[in-house]
């Protein structure tokens, strides 16, 4: 049997065997992928031999291997379809070392997110090093691919390796995995790197701090503090603002508008701008273009329904509790949640 088919079967078996929390009222089934259940959640106790230290982001390669990046731990891990865990890069110290050599010798400074191509190349937002680094799937070597490593703002419409950034918080691939969307938070801009041409371009933000006016050109509009961005299948790009407490979207014509959030901190479900968030940190888009949001200060995972504009709470108000969730990833019809404060990864069925 083909190796990929075997891995797919293995993933299915792991899903059946993984410890699960019992269903609570109005709560989806939650599977513990890595870490531990909390007292009262009802899941079976597990022994974690390699505990995570503030995981912030996860993504998957084509065969279902999960890649995990930590903020406090400063390490990059891999969890394969057989449940085998390995640390691939980082030793817990802060630095910007190792470029050109094995990723195992690299150091990082404040990793926030990760994106993996079908070929297995791993892109990491090395946020406080002001760059994006790549672990090459074939050689296992690491290189700084986007950004100079020096703080600034230059490089739109030029080579991505010569551009300057502030803090690159989020990296997200499009559906065809050839464009990498970057949130440049202190520069208040969303930028995109074309991985085929190596060129960088601007998606939204002009550097000013403020709430954009609905219908204005995104590249001539202010932003409050963009924390994450992700494209959908229709050419829209969703932008999540932490201090702006809002979800915005740039449409295919380059026009920006606010689709959810009051702009003030809160914790309320509702339609569009009737809903409120509390310092949301990350987002992802599912197969139907719905948006899932890690609502960090509220300890919730929220869903924005693209068809109705309704914001609802998916996880965090039932038996399973979240503490400062920072990551959400959609993979093969399921939602993965990085429960940062509890140093674990969950899956919502």
C-alpha atoms as a PDB file:
ATOM      1  CA  UNK A   1       0.000   0.000   0.000  1.00  0.00           C
ATOM      2  CA  UNK A   2       1.174   3.535  -0.728  1.00  0.00           C
ATOM      3  CA  UNK A   3       2.881   5.299   2.233  1.00  0.00           C
ATOM      4  CA  UNK A   4       0.433   8.223   2.163  1.00  0.00           C
ATOM      5  CA  UNK A   5      -2.535   5.836   2.305  1.00  0.00           C
ATOM      6  CA  UNK A   6      -0.998   4.111   5.316  1.00  0.00           C
ATOM      7  CA  UNK A   7      -0.513   7.448   7.075  1.00  0.00           C
ATOM      8  CA  UNK A   8      -4.128   8.412   6.366  1.00  0.00           C
ATOM      9  CA  UNK A   9      -5.319   5.157   7.957  1.00  0.00           C
ATOM     10  CA  UNK A  10      -3.038   5.778  10.933  1.00  0.00           C
ATOM     11  CA  UNK A  11      -4.461   9.260  11.433  1.00  0.00           C
ATOM     12  CA  UNK A  12      -7.965   7.799  11.508  1.00  0.00           C
ATOM     13  CA  UNK A  13      -6.951   5.208  14.099  1.00  0.00           C
ATOM     14  CA  UNK A  14      -5.331   7.860  16.279  1.00  0.00           C
ATOM     15  CA  UNK A  15      -8.508   9.922  16.149  1.00  0.00           C
ATOM     16  CA  UNK A  16     -10.470   6.946  17.468  1.00  0.00           C
ATOM     17  CA  UNK A  17      -7.981   6.169  20.237  1.00  0.00           C
ATOM     18  CA  UNK A  18      -7.262   9.736  21.412  1.00  0.00           C
ATOM     19  CA  UNK A  19      -8.727  10.632  24.829  1.00  0.00           C
ATOM     20  CA  UNK A  20     -11.919  12.658  24.578  1.00  0.00           C
ATOM     21  CA  UNK A  21     -13.897  14.833  26.899  1.00  0.00           C
ATOM     22  CA  UNK A  22     -17.538  13.804  27.329  1.00  0.00           C
ATOM     23  CA  UNK A  23     -20.158  15.948  25.704  1.00  0.00           C
ATOM     24  CA  UNK A  24     -21.559  18.846  27.694  1.00  0.00           C
ATOM     25  CA  UNK A  25     -24.750  20.681  26.857  1.00  0.00           C
ATOM     26  CA  UNK A  26     -24.377  22.717  23.669  1.00  0.00           C
ATOM     27  CA  UNK A  27     -20.684  21.837  23.515  1.00  0.00           C
ATOM     28  CA  UNK A  28     -18.967  20.039  20.645  1.00  0.00           C
ATOM     29  CA  UNK A  29     -16.909  16.903  21.123  1.00  0.00           C
ATOM     30  CA  UNK A  30     -13.351  17.843  22.007  1.00  0.00           C
ATOM     31  CA  UNK A  31     -10.316  15.591  21.563  1.00  0.00           C
ATOM     32  CA  UNK A  32      -7.078  16.126  23.453  1.00  0.00           C
ATOM     33  CA  UNK A  33      -4.274  16.043  20.876  1.00  0.00           C
ATOM     34  CA  UNK A  34      -1.354  16.975  23.126  1.00  0.00           C
ATOM     35  CA  UNK A  35      -1.146  18.031  26.754  1.00  0.00           C
ATOM     36  CA  UNK A  36      -3.432  17.255  29.693  1.00  0.00           C
ATOM     37  CA  UNK A  37      -7.060  17.529  30.694  1.00  0.00           C
ATOM     38  CA  UNK A  38      -7.934  19.881  33.529  1.00  0.00           C
ATOM     39  CA  UNK A  39      -9.665  18.640  36.691  1.00  0.00           C
ATOM     40  CA  UNK A  40     -13.392  18.530  36.086  1.00  0.00           C
ATOM     41  CA  UNK A  41     -13.204  18.306  32.302  1.00  0.00           C
ATOM     42  CA  UNK A  42     -13.807  14.576  32.505  1.00  0.00           C
ATOM     43  CA  UNK A  43     -11.050  13.325  30.226  1.00  0.00           C
ATOM     44  CA  UNK A  44      -8.753  10.453  31.107  1.00  0.00           C
ATOM     45  CA  UNK A  45      -5.466  11.392  32.776  1.00  0.00           C
ATOM     46  CA  UNK A  46      -2.451  11.208  30.474  1.00  0.00           C
ATOM     47  CA  UNK A  47       1.281  11.415  31.062  1.00  0.00           C
ATOM     48  CA  UNK A  48       3.031  14.018  28.918  1.00  0.00           C
ATOM     49  CA  UNK A  49       6.713  13.213  28.577  1.00  0.00           C
ATOM     50  CA  UNK A  50       7.524  16.318  26.556  1.00  0.00           C
ATOM     51  CA  UNK A  51       5.365  19.169  27.880  1.00  0.00           C
ATOM     52  CA  UNK A  52       4.830  22.225  25.719  1.00  0.00           C
ATOM     53  CA  UNK A  53       5.776  25.716  26.869  1.00  0.00           C
ATOM     54  CA  UNK A  54       3.293  28.297  25.635  1.00  0.00           C
ATOM     55  CA  UNK A  55       2.487  26.854  22.221  1.00  0.00           C
ATOM     56  CA  UNK A  56       1.229  29.574  19.902  1.00  0.00           C
ATOM     57  CA  UNK A  57       0.654  28.072  16.472  1.00  0.00           C
ATOM     58  CA  UNK A  58       0.180  24.781  14.612  1.00  0.00           C
ATOM     59  CA  UNK A  59      -0.105  23.699  10.998  1.00  0.00           C
ATOM     60  CA  UNK A  60      -0.028  20.456   9.017  1.00  0.00           C
ATOM     61  CA  UNK A  61       1.910  19.057   6.091  1.00  0.00           C
ATOM     62  CA  UNK A  62       0.407  16.949   3.314  1.00  0.00           C
ATOM     63  CA  UNK A  63       0.652  13.653   5.236  1.00  0.00           C
ATOM     64  CA  UNK A  64      -0.974  14.980   8.388  1.00  0.00           C
ATOM     65  CA  UNK A  65       2.098  15.719  10.494  1.00  0.00           C
ATOM     66  CA  UNK A  66       1.454  18.581  12.905  1.00  0.00           C
ATOM     67  CA  UNK A  67       4.100  21.267  13.346  1.00  0.00           C
ATOM     68  CA  UNK A  68       4.038  23.256  16.588  1.00  0.00           C
ATOM     69  CA  UNK A  69       5.826  26.491  17.503  1.00  0.00           C
ATOM     70  CA  UNK A  70       6.231  27.825  21.035  1.00  0.00           C
ATOM     71  CA  UNK A  71       6.588  31.374  22.271  1.00  0.00           C
ATOM     72  CA  UNK A  72       8.108  30.881  25.725  1.00  0.00           C
ATOM     73  CA  UNK A  73       9.739  27.550  24.923  1.00  0.00           C
ATOM     74  CA  UNK A  74      11.408  28.815  21.770  1.00  0.00           C
ATOM     75  CA  UNK A  75      11.173  25.398  20.118  1.00  0.00           C
ATOM     76  CA  UNK A  76       9.680  23.845  16.985  1.00  0.00           C
ATOM     77  CA  UNK A  77       8.087  20.419  17.411  1.00  0.00           C
ATOM     78  CA  UNK A  78       6.629  17.769  15.135  1.00  0.00           C
ATOM     79  CA  UNK A  79       3.819  15.335  15.996  1.00  0.00           C
ATOM     80  CA  UNK A  80       3.383  12.695  13.312  1.00  0.00           C
ATOM     81  CA  UNK A  81       0.389  10.560  12.405  1.00  0.00           C
ATOM     82  CA  UNK A  82       1.587   7.726  14.627  1.00  0.00           C
ATOM     83  CA  UNK A  83       1.705  10.027  17.645  1.00  0.00           C
ATOM     84  CA  UNK A  84       5.492  10.268  17.679  1.00  0.00           C
ATOM     85  CA  UNK A  85       6.697  13.588  19.094  1.00  0.00           C
ATOM     86  CA  UNK A  86      10.041  15.192  18.251  1.00  0.00           C
ATOM     87  CA  UNK A  87      11.709  18.560  18.760  1.00  0.00           C
ATOM     88  CA  UNK A  88      13.185  19.737  15.465  1.00  0.00           C
ATOM     89  CA  UNK A  89      14.552  23.198  16.187  1.00  0.00           C
ATOM     90  CA  UNK A  90      15.264  25.643  18.997  1.00  0.00           C
ATOM     91  CA  UNK A  91      16.779  25.069  22.413  1.00  0.00           C
ATOM     92  CA  UNK A  92      14.789  27.503  24.519  1.00  0.00           C
ATOM     93  CA  UNK A  93      17.251  30.386  24.304  1.00  0.00           C
ATOM     94  CA  UNK A  94      16.502  33.614  22.465  1.00  0.00           C
ATOM     95  CA  UNK A  95      18.517  34.448  19.377  1.00  0.00           C
ATOM     96  CA  UNK A  96      18.712  34.500  15.602  1.00  0.00           C
ATOM     97  CA  UNK A  97      21.306  31.829  15.011  1.00  0.00           C
ATOM     98  CA  UNK A  98      21.596  28.846  12.729  1.00  0.00           C
ATOM     99  CA  UNK A  99      20.786  30.196   9.271  1.00  0.00           C
ATOM    100  CA  UNK A 100      22.323  28.065   6.542  1.00  0.00           C
ATOM    101  CA  UNK A 101      22.699  25.033   8.783  1.00  0.00           C
ATOM    102  CA  UNK A 102      20.556  22.319  10.362  1.00  0.00           C
ATOM    103  CA  UNK A 103      17.385  23.626  11.972  1.00  0.00           C
ATOM    104  CA  UNK A 104      18.324  21.721  15.119  1.00  0.00           C
ATOM    105  CA  UNK A 105      21.004  24.353  15.768  1.00  0.00           C
ATOM    106  CA  UNK A 106      18.708  27.356  15.274  1.00  0.00           C
ATOM    107  CA  UNK A 107      17.490  29.773  17.911  1.00  0.00           C
ATOM    108  CA  UNK A 108      14.405  31.967  17.716  1.00  0.00           C
ATOM    109  CA  UNK A 109      12.928  34.991  19.414  1.00  0.00           C
ATOM    110  CA  UNK A 110       9.190  35.036  19.998  1.00  0.00           C
ATOM    111  CA  UNK A 111       7.711  32.640  17.448  1.00  0.00           C
ATOM    112  CA  UNK A 112       4.008  33.309  16.969  1.00  0.00           C
ATOM    113  CA  UNK A 113       2.818  31.197  14.073  1.00  0.00           C
ATOM    114  CA  UNK A 114       3.711  28.556  11.498  1.00  0.00           C
ATOM    115  CA  UNK A 115       2.590  27.640   7.979  1.00  0.00           C
ATOM    116  CA  UNK A 116       3.555  24.459   6.109  1.00  0.00           C
ATOM    117  CA  UNK A 117       3.523  23.900   2.339  1.00  0.00           C
ATOM    118  CA  UNK A 118       2.347  20.618   0.754  1.00  0.00           C
ATOM    119  CA  UNK A 119       5.991  19.818   0.062  1.00  0.00           C
ATOM    120  CA  UNK A 120       6.803  20.118   3.749  1.00  0.00           C
ATOM    121  CA  UNK A 121       8.646  23.451   3.831  1.00  0.00           C
ATOM    122  CA  UNK A 122       7.947  25.086   7.185  1.00  0.00           C
ATOM    123  CA  UNK A 123       7.551  28.888   7.408  1.00  0.00           C
ATOM    124  CA  UNK A 124       7.871  30.399  10.895  1.00  0.00           C
ATOM    125  CA  UNK A 125       7.028  33.924  12.004  1.00  0.00           C
ATOM    126  CA  UNK A 126      10.109  34.694  14.101  1.00  0.00           C
ATOM    127  CA  UNK A 127       8.351  37.750  15.412  1.00  0.00           C
ATOM    128  CA  UNK A 128      10.913  39.520  17.568  1.00  0.00           C
ATOM    129  CA  UNK A 129      13.585  38.864  14.968  1.00  0.00           C
ATOM    130  CA  UNK A 130      11.421  40.814  12.493  1.00  0.00           C
ATOM    131  CA  UNK A 131      11.443  38.057   9.890  1.00  0.00           C
ATOM    132  CA  UNK A 132      10.046  34.800   8.541  1.00  0.00           C
ATOM    133  CA  UNK A 133      12.299  31.758   8.474  1.00  0.00           C
ATOM    134  CA  UNK A 134      11.956  28.540   6.519  1.00  0.00           C
ATOM    135  CA  UNK A 135      12.949  24.988   7.363  1.00  0.00           C
ATOM    136  CA  UNK A 136      13.647  23.250   4.058  1.00  0.00           C
ATOM    137  CA  UNK A 137      11.837  19.926   3.769  1.00  0.00           C
ATOM    138  CA  UNK A 138      14.628  18.224   1.806  1.00  0.00           C
ATOM    139  CA  UNK A 139      17.751  19.414   3.585  1.00  0.00           C
ATOM    140  CA  UNK A 140      16.367  20.187   7.037  1.00  0.00           C
ATOM    141  CA  UNK A 141      18.320  23.457   6.949  1.00  0.00           C
ATOM    142  CA  UNK A 142      16.913  26.794   8.064  1.00  0.00           C
ATOM    143  CA  UNK A 143      17.128  30.175   6.329  1.00  0.00           C
ATOM    144  CA  UNK A 144      15.677  33.644   6.813  1.00  0.00           C
ATOM    145  CA  UNK A 145      13.448  33.985   3.744  1.00  0.00           C
ATOM    146  CA  UNK A 146      11.358  37.108   4.370  1.00  0.00           C
ATOM    147  CA  UNK A 147      12.689  40.220   6.073  1.00  0.00           C
ATOM    148  CA  UNK A 148      16.159  41.453   6.856  1.00  0.00           C
ATOM    149  CA  UNK A 149      16.062  40.768  10.591  1.00  0.00           C
ATOM    150  CA  UNK A 150      16.155  44.521  11.278  1.00  0.00           C
ATOM    151  CA  UNK A 151      13.097  46.470  12.348  1.00  0.00           C
ATOM    152  CA  UNK A 152      11.685  48.970   9.870  1.00  0.00           C
ATOM    153  CA  UNK A 153       9.317  49.342   6.956  1.00  0.00           C
ATOM    154  CA  UNK A 154      10.576  48.915   3.402  1.00  0.00           C
ATOM    155  CA  UNK A 155      10.250  46.575   0.482  1.00  0.00           C
ATOM    156  CA  UNK A 156       6.713  46.572  -0.907  1.00  0.00           C
ATOM    157  CA  UNK A 157       6.762  45.581  -4.602  1.00  0.00           C
ATOM    158  CA  UNK A 158      10.299  44.291  -4.156  1.00  0.00           C
ATOM    159  CA  UNK A 159      12.168  41.111  -3.171  1.00  0.00           C
ATOM    160  CA  UNK A 160      10.773  39.638   0.024  1.00  0.00           C
ATOM    161  CA  UNK A 161      14.249  38.965   1.389  1.00  0.00           C
ATOM    162  CA  UNK A 162      15.142  42.665   1.262  1.00  0.00           C
ATOM    163  CA  UNK A 163      12.010  43.967   3.010  1.00  0.00           C
ATOM    164  CA  UNK A 164      11.900  45.324   6.552  1.00  0.00           C
ATOM    165  CA  UNK A 165       9.134  44.533   9.039  1.00  0.00           C
ATOM    166  CA  UNK A 166       8.149  45.330  12.572  1.00  0.00           C
ATOM    167  CA  UNK A 167       6.812  42.261  14.360  1.00  0.00           C
ATOM    168  CA  UNK A 168       5.567  39.566  11.963  1.00  0.00           C
ATOM    169  CA  UNK A 169       2.842  38.006  14.089  1.00  0.00           C
ATOM    170  CA  UNK A 170       0.928  35.696  11.785  1.00  0.00           C
ATOM    171  CA  UNK A 171       1.794  33.767   8.615  1.00  0.00           C
ATOM    172  CA  UNK A 172      -1.003  32.126   6.614  1.00  0.00           C
ATOM    173  CA  UNK A 173      -0.908  30.341   3.267  1.00  0.00           C
ATOM    174  CA  UNK A 174      -3.640  30.667   0.674  1.00  0.00           C
ATOM    175  CA  UNK A 175      -5.517  27.633  -0.672  1.00  0.00           C
ATOM    176  CA  UNK A 176      -2.988  27.009  -3.452  1.00  0.00           C
ATOM    177  CA  UNK A 177      -0.118  27.347  -0.955  1.00  0.00           C
ATOM    178  CA  UNK A 178       1.880  29.760  -3.089  1.00  0.00           C
ATOM    179  CA  UNK A 179       1.142  33.050  -1.322  1.00  0.00           C
ATOM    180  CA  UNK A 180       1.997  33.754   2.305  1.00  0.00           C
ATOM    181  CA  UNK A 181      -0.003  36.440   4.113  1.00  0.00           C
ATOM    182  CA  UNK A 182       1.884  38.354   6.823  1.00  0.00           C
ATOM    183  CA  UNK A 183       0.596  40.590   9.621  1.00  0.00           C
ATOM    184  CA  UNK A 184       3.101  43.371  10.257  1.00  0.00           C
ATOM    185  CA  UNK A 185       1.562  44.599  13.489  1.00  0.00           C
ATOM    186  CA  UNK A 186       3.630  47.652  14.482  1.00  0.00           C
ATOM    187  CA  UNK A 187       3.665  48.882  10.885  1.00  0.00           C
ATOM    188  CA  UNK A 188      -0.129  48.379  10.862  1.00  0.00           C
ATOM    189  CA  UNK A 189      -0.071  46.603   7.543  1.00  0.00           C
ATOM    190  CA  UNK A 190      -0.995  43.294   5.947  1.00  0.00           C
ATOM    191  CA  UNK A 191       1.529  42.149   3.354  1.00  0.00           C
ATOM    192  CA  UNK A 192       1.731  39.104   1.096  1.00  0.00           C
ATOM    193  CA  UNK A 193       4.771  37.229  -0.209  1.00  0.00           C
ATOM    194  CA  UNK A 194       4.512  35.437  -3.548  1.00  0.00           C
ATOM    195  CA  UNK A 195       6.511  32.260  -2.963  1.00  0.00           C
ATOM    196  CA  UNK A 196       6.878  31.628  -6.696  1.00  0.00           C
ATOM    197  CA  UNK A 197       8.316  35.020  -7.645  1.00  0.00           C
ATOM    198  CA  UNK A 198       9.818  35.990  -4.279  1.00  0.00           C
ATOM    199  CA  UNK A 199       8.103  39.390  -4.452  1.00  0.00           C
ATOM    200  CA  UNK A 200       6.285  41.213  -1.671  1.00  0.00           C
ATOM    201  CA  UNK A 201       3.159  43.360  -1.995  1.00  0.00           C
ATOM    202  CA  UNK A 202       0.815  45.329   0.243  1.00  0.00           C
ATOM    203  CA  UNK A 203      -2.720  44.119   1.009  1.00  0.00           C
ATOM    204  CA  UNK A 204      -3.962  46.606   3.609  1.00  0.00           C
ATOM    205  CA  UNK A 205      -2.897  49.460   5.856  1.00  0.00           C
ATOM    206  CA  UNK A 206      -1.087  52.736   5.269  1.00  0.00           C
ATOM    207  CA  UNK A 207       0.721  52.924   8.607  1.00  0.00           C
ATOM    208  CA  UNK A 208      -1.745  55.199  10.361  1.00  0.00           C
ATOM    209  CA  UNK A 209      -3.486  54.015  13.526  1.00  0.00           C
ATOM    210  CA  UNK A 210      -7.256  54.119  13.341  1.00  0.00           C
ATOM    211  CA  UNK A 211     -10.466  52.417  12.325  1.00  0.00           C
ATOM    212  CA  UNK A 212     -10.798  52.080   8.541  1.00  0.00           C
ATOM    213  CA  UNK A 213     -13.875  53.520   6.855  1.00  0.00           C
ATOM    214  CA  UNK A 214     -16.110  50.939   5.239  1.00  0.00           C
ATOM    215  CA  UNK A 215     -15.668  50.886   1.470  1.00  0.00           C
ATOM    216  CA  UNK A 216     -12.331  52.683   1.320  1.00  0.00           C
ATOM    217  CA  UNK A 217      -9.289  51.273  -0.449  1.00  0.00           C
ATOM    218  CA  UNK A 218      -7.533  48.953   1.953  1.00  0.00           C
ATOM    219  CA  UNK A 219      -4.030  50.134   1.064  1.00  0.00           C
ATOM    220  CA  UNK A 220      -4.993  53.731   1.850  1.00  0.00           C
ATOM    221  CA  UNK A 221      -6.742  52.957   5.116  1.00  0.00           C
ATOM    222  CA  UNK A 222      -5.552  52.975   8.733  1.00  0.00           C
ATOM    223  CA  UNK A 223      -5.577  49.908  10.949  1.00  0.00           C
ATOM    224  CA  UNK A 224      -5.528  49.721  14.739  1.00  0.00           C
ATOM    225  CA  UNK A 225      -3.201  46.767  15.326  1.00  0.00           C
ATOM    226  CA  UNK A 226      -3.607  43.839  12.909  1.00  0.00           C
ATOM    227  CA  UNK A 227      -2.779  40.591  14.677  1.00  0.00           C
ATOM    228  CA  UNK A 228      -3.733  37.945  12.103  1.00  0.00           C
ATOM    229  CA  UNK A 229      -4.924  37.654   8.510  1.00  0.00           C
ATOM    230  CA  UNK A 230      -6.207  34.818   6.343  1.00  0.00           C
ATOM    231  CA  UNK A 231      -7.693  34.569   2.826  1.00  0.00           C
ATOM    232  CA  UNK A 232     -10.865  32.705   1.935  1.00  0.00           C
ATOM    233  CA  UNK A 233     -11.708  30.851  -1.293  1.00  0.00           C
ATOM    234  CA  UNK A 234     -13.377  33.869  -2.911  1.00  0.00           C
ATOM    235  CA  UNK A 235     -10.427  36.259  -2.853  1.00  0.00           C
ATOM    236  CA  UNK A 236     -11.369  38.004   0.381  1.00  0.00           C
ATOM    237  CA  UNK A 237      -8.748  38.558   3.083  1.00  0.00           C
ATOM    238  CA  UNK A 238      -9.936  38.623   6.693  1.00  0.00           C
ATOM    239  CA  UNK A 239      -8.029  40.778   9.187  1.00  0.00           C
ATOM    240  CA  UNK A 240      -8.255  40.406  12.955  1.00  0.00           C
ATOM    241  CA  UNK A 241      -7.383  43.353  15.175  1.00  0.00           C
ATOM    242  CA  UNK A 242      -6.348  42.801  18.783  1.00  0.00           C
ATOM    243  CA  UNK A 243      -6.762  46.278  20.281  1.00  0.00           C
ATOM    244  CA  UNK A 244      -9.365  47.099  17.645  1.00  0.00           C
ATOM    245  CA  UNK A 245     -11.487  44.186  18.946  1.00  0.00           C
ATOM    246  CA  UNK A 246     -12.814  43.626  15.445  1.00  0.00           C
ATOM    247  CA  UNK A 247     -12.849  41.434  12.365  1.00  0.00           C
ATOM    248  CA  UNK A 248     -12.432  43.215   9.046  1.00  0.00           C
ATOM    249  CA  UNK A 249     -12.321  42.004   5.453  1.00  0.00           C
ATOM    250  CA  UNK A 250     -10.677  43.190   2.251  1.00  0.00           C
ATOM    251  CA  UNK A 251     -12.709  42.136  -0.779  1.00  0.00           C
ATOM    252  CA  UNK A 252     -11.499  41.201  -4.241  1.00  0.00           C
ATOM    253  CA  UNK A 253     -11.640  44.846  -5.334  1.00  0.00           C
ATOM    254  CA  UNK A 254      -9.357  45.939  -2.514  1.00  0.00           C
ATOM    255  CA  UNK A 255     -12.085  47.591  -0.426  1.00  0.00           C
ATOM    256  CA  UNK A 256     -12.080  47.173   3.348  1.00  0.00           C
ATOM    257  CA  UNK A 257     -14.974  46.969   5.808  1.00  0.00           C
ATOM    258  CA  UNK A 258     -15.648  45.874   9.371  1.00  0.00           C
ATOM    259  CA  UNK A 259     -17.787  42.724   9.511  1.00  0.00           C
ATOM    260  CA  UNK A 260     -17.814  41.933  13.242  1.00  0.00           C
ATOM    261  CA  UNK A 261     -16.988  43.594  16.546  1.00  0.00           C
ATOM    262  CA  UNK A 262     -17.964  46.834  18.204  1.00  0.00           C
ATOM    263  CA  UNK A 263     -14.418  48.145  18.503  1.00  0.00           C
ATOM    264  CA  UNK A 264     -14.722  47.965  22.284  1.00  0.00           C
ATOM    265  CA  UNK A 265     -13.693  45.048  24.477  1.00  0.00           C
ATOM    266  CA  UNK A 266     -16.575  42.740  25.304  1.00  0.00           C
ATOM    267  CA  UNK A 267     -17.882  39.179  25.185  1.00  0.00           C
ATOM    268  CA  UNK A 268     -21.134  39.060  23.302  1.00  0.00           C
ATOM    269  CA  UNK A 269     -22.414  36.907  20.465  1.00  0.00           C
ATOM    270  CA  UNK A 270     -24.541  38.519  17.815  1.00  0.00           C
ATOM    271  CA  UNK A 271     -24.710  39.595  14.195  1.00  0.00           C
ATOM    272  CA  UNK A 272     -21.881  41.647  12.760  1.00  0.00           C
ATOM    273  CA  UNK A 273     -21.009  44.743  14.728  1.00  0.00           C
ATOM    274  CA  UNK A 274     -23.448  43.782  17.478  1.00  0.00           C
ATOM    275  CA  UNK A 275     -20.959  41.132  18.580  1.00  0.00           C
ATOM    276  CA  UNK A 276     -17.934  41.952  20.718  1.00  0.00           C
ATOM    277  CA  UNK A 277     -14.476  40.428  21.270  1.00  0.00           C
ATOM    278  CA  UNK A 278     -11.755  40.598  23.900  1.00  0.00           C
ATOM    279  CA  UNK A 279      -8.297  41.107  22.398  1.00  0.00           C
ATOM    280  CA  UNK A 280      -8.653  38.407  19.692  1.00  0.00           C
ATOM    281  CA  UNK A 281      -5.319  36.934  18.622  1.00  0.00           C
ATOM    282  CA  UNK A 282      -5.653  34.528  15.693  1.00  0.00           C
ATOM    283  CA  UNK A 283      -8.040  33.280  13.035  1.00  0.00           C
ATOM    284  CA  UNK A 284      -8.490  30.648  10.355  1.00  0.00           C
ATOM    285  CA  UNK A 285     -10.980  29.997   7.563  1.00  0.00           C
ATOM    286  CA  UNK A 286     -12.810  26.707   7.039  1.00  0.00           C
ATOM    287  CA  UNK A 287     -13.922  24.955   3.839  1.00  0.00           C
ATOM    288  CA  UNK A 288     -17.115  27.024   3.689  1.00  0.00           C
ATOM    289  CA  UNK A 289     -15.324  30.331   4.266  1.00  0.00           C
ATOM    290  CA  UNK A 290     -16.486  30.664   7.866  1.00  0.00           C
ATOM    291  CA  UNK A 291     -13.936  32.314  10.155  1.00  0.00           C
ATOM    292  CA  UNK A 292     -12.824  30.902  13.526  1.00  0.00           C
ATOM    293  CA  UNK A 293     -11.297  33.321  16.025  1.00  0.00           C
ATOM    294  CA  UNK A 294      -9.123  32.741  19.093  1.00  0.00           C
ATOM    295  CA  UNK A 295     -10.720  35.291  21.432  1.00  0.00           C
ATOM    296  CA  UNK A 296      -7.824  35.382  23.880  1.00  0.00           C
ATOM    297  CA  UNK A 297      -8.967  37.610  26.758  1.00  0.00           C
ATOM    298  CA  UNK A 298     -12.383  35.936  26.857  1.00  0.00           C
ATOM    299  CA  UNK A 299     -10.972  32.410  26.770  1.00  0.00           C
ATOM    300  CA  UNK A 300     -13.274  31.553  23.874  1.00  0.00           C
ATOM    301  CA  UNK A 301     -13.215  30.276  20.322  1.00  0.00           C
ATOM    302  CA  UNK A 302     -15.700  32.242  18.240  1.00  0.00           C
ATOM    303  CA  UNK A 303     -17.144  31.571  14.801  1.00  0.00           C
ATOM    304  CA  UNK A 304     -18.070  34.203  12.220  1.00  0.00           C
ATOM    305  CA  UNK A 305     -20.613  32.766   9.786  1.00  0.00           C
ATOM    306  CA  UNK A 306     -19.719  34.150   6.381  1.00  0.00           C
ATOM    307  CA  UNK A 307     -23.251  33.729   5.035  1.00  0.00           C
ATOM    308  CA  UNK A 308     -25.206  35.318   7.887  1.00  0.00           C
ATOM    309  CA  UNK A 309     -22.614  37.515   9.599  1.00  0.00           C
ATOM    310  CA  UNK A 310     -23.466  35.915  12.934  1.00  0.00           C
ATOM    311  CA  UNK A 311     -20.791  35.502  15.615  1.00  0.00           C
ATOM    312  CA  UNK A 312     -21.242  32.530  17.954  1.00  0.00           C
ATOM    313  CA  UNK A 313     -19.164  30.860  20.654  1.00  0.00           C
ATOM    314  CA  UNK A 314     -17.816  27.428  19.719  1.00  0.00           C
ATOM    315  CA  UNK A 315     -15.669  26.518  22.708  1.00  0.00           C
ATOM    316  CA  UNK A 316     -14.780  27.854  26.142  1.00  0.00           C
ATOM    317  CA  UNK A 317     -18.109  28.347  27.869  1.00  0.00           C
ATOM    318  CA  UNK A 318     -18.823  24.695  28.677  1.00  0.00           C
ATOM    319  CA  UNK A 319     -16.939  21.951  30.476  1.00  0.00           C
ATOM    320  CA  UNK A 320     -13.703  22.415  28.523  1.00  0.00           C
ATOM    321  CA  UNK A 321     -12.014  25.605  29.678  1.00  0.00           C
ATOM    322  CA  UNK A 322      -9.493  27.676  27.748  1.00  0.00           C
ATOM    323  CA  UNK A 323      -6.809  30.023  29.038  1.00  0.00           C
ATOM    324  CA  UNK A 324      -5.408  32.602  26.618  1.00  0.00           C
ATOM    325  CA  UNK A 325      -6.016  30.627  23.407  1.00  0.00           C
ATOM    326  CA  UNK A 326      -3.694  31.934  20.696  1.00  0.00           C
ATOM    327  CA  UNK A 327      -4.016  29.581  17.754  1.00  0.00           C
ATOM    328  CA  UNK A 328      -6.754  28.111  15.546  1.00  0.00           C
ATOM    329  CA  UNK A 329      -6.169  25.944  12.476  1.00  0.00           C
ATOM    330  CA  UNK A 330      -8.614  24.229  10.127  1.00  0.00           C
ATOM    331  CA  UNK A 331      -7.423  20.878   8.781  1.00  0.00           C
ATOM    332  CA  UNK A 332      -9.389  18.173   6.981  1.00  0.00           C
ATOM    333  CA  UNK A 333     -12.761  19.249   8.273  1.00  0.00           C
ATOM    334  CA  UNK A 334     -11.736  19.784  11.889  1.00  0.00           C
ATOM    335  CA  UNK A 335     -10.760  22.745  14.029  1.00  0.00           C
ATOM    336  CA  UNK A 336      -7.538  22.622  16.040  1.00  0.00           C
ATOM    337  CA  UNK A 337      -7.194  24.952  19.030  1.00  0.00           C
ATOM    338  CA  UNK A 338      -3.932  25.980  20.694  1.00  0.00           C
ATOM    339  CA  UNK A 339      -4.874  26.457  24.350  1.00  0.00           C
ATOM    340  CA  UNK A 340      -1.731  28.424  25.163  1.00  0.00           C
ATOM    341  CA  UNK A 341      -2.279  29.075  28.850  1.00  0.00           C
ATOM    342  CA  UNK A 342      -2.864  25.374  29.500  1.00  0.00           C
ATOM    343  CA  UNK A 343       0.050  24.332  27.258  1.00  0.00           C
ATOM    344  CA  UNK A 344      -2.038  21.980  25.151  1.00  0.00           C
ATOM    345  CA  UNK A 345      -3.639  21.382  21.761  1.00  0.00           C
ATOM    346  CA  UNK A 346      -7.262  20.381  21.308  1.00  0.00           C
ATOM    347  CA  UNK A 347      -9.374  19.327  18.359  1.00  0.00           C
ATOM    348  CA  UNK A 348     -13.028  20.242  17.934  1.00  0.00           C
ATOM    349  CA  UNK A 349     -14.928  17.541  16.042  1.00  0.00           C
END
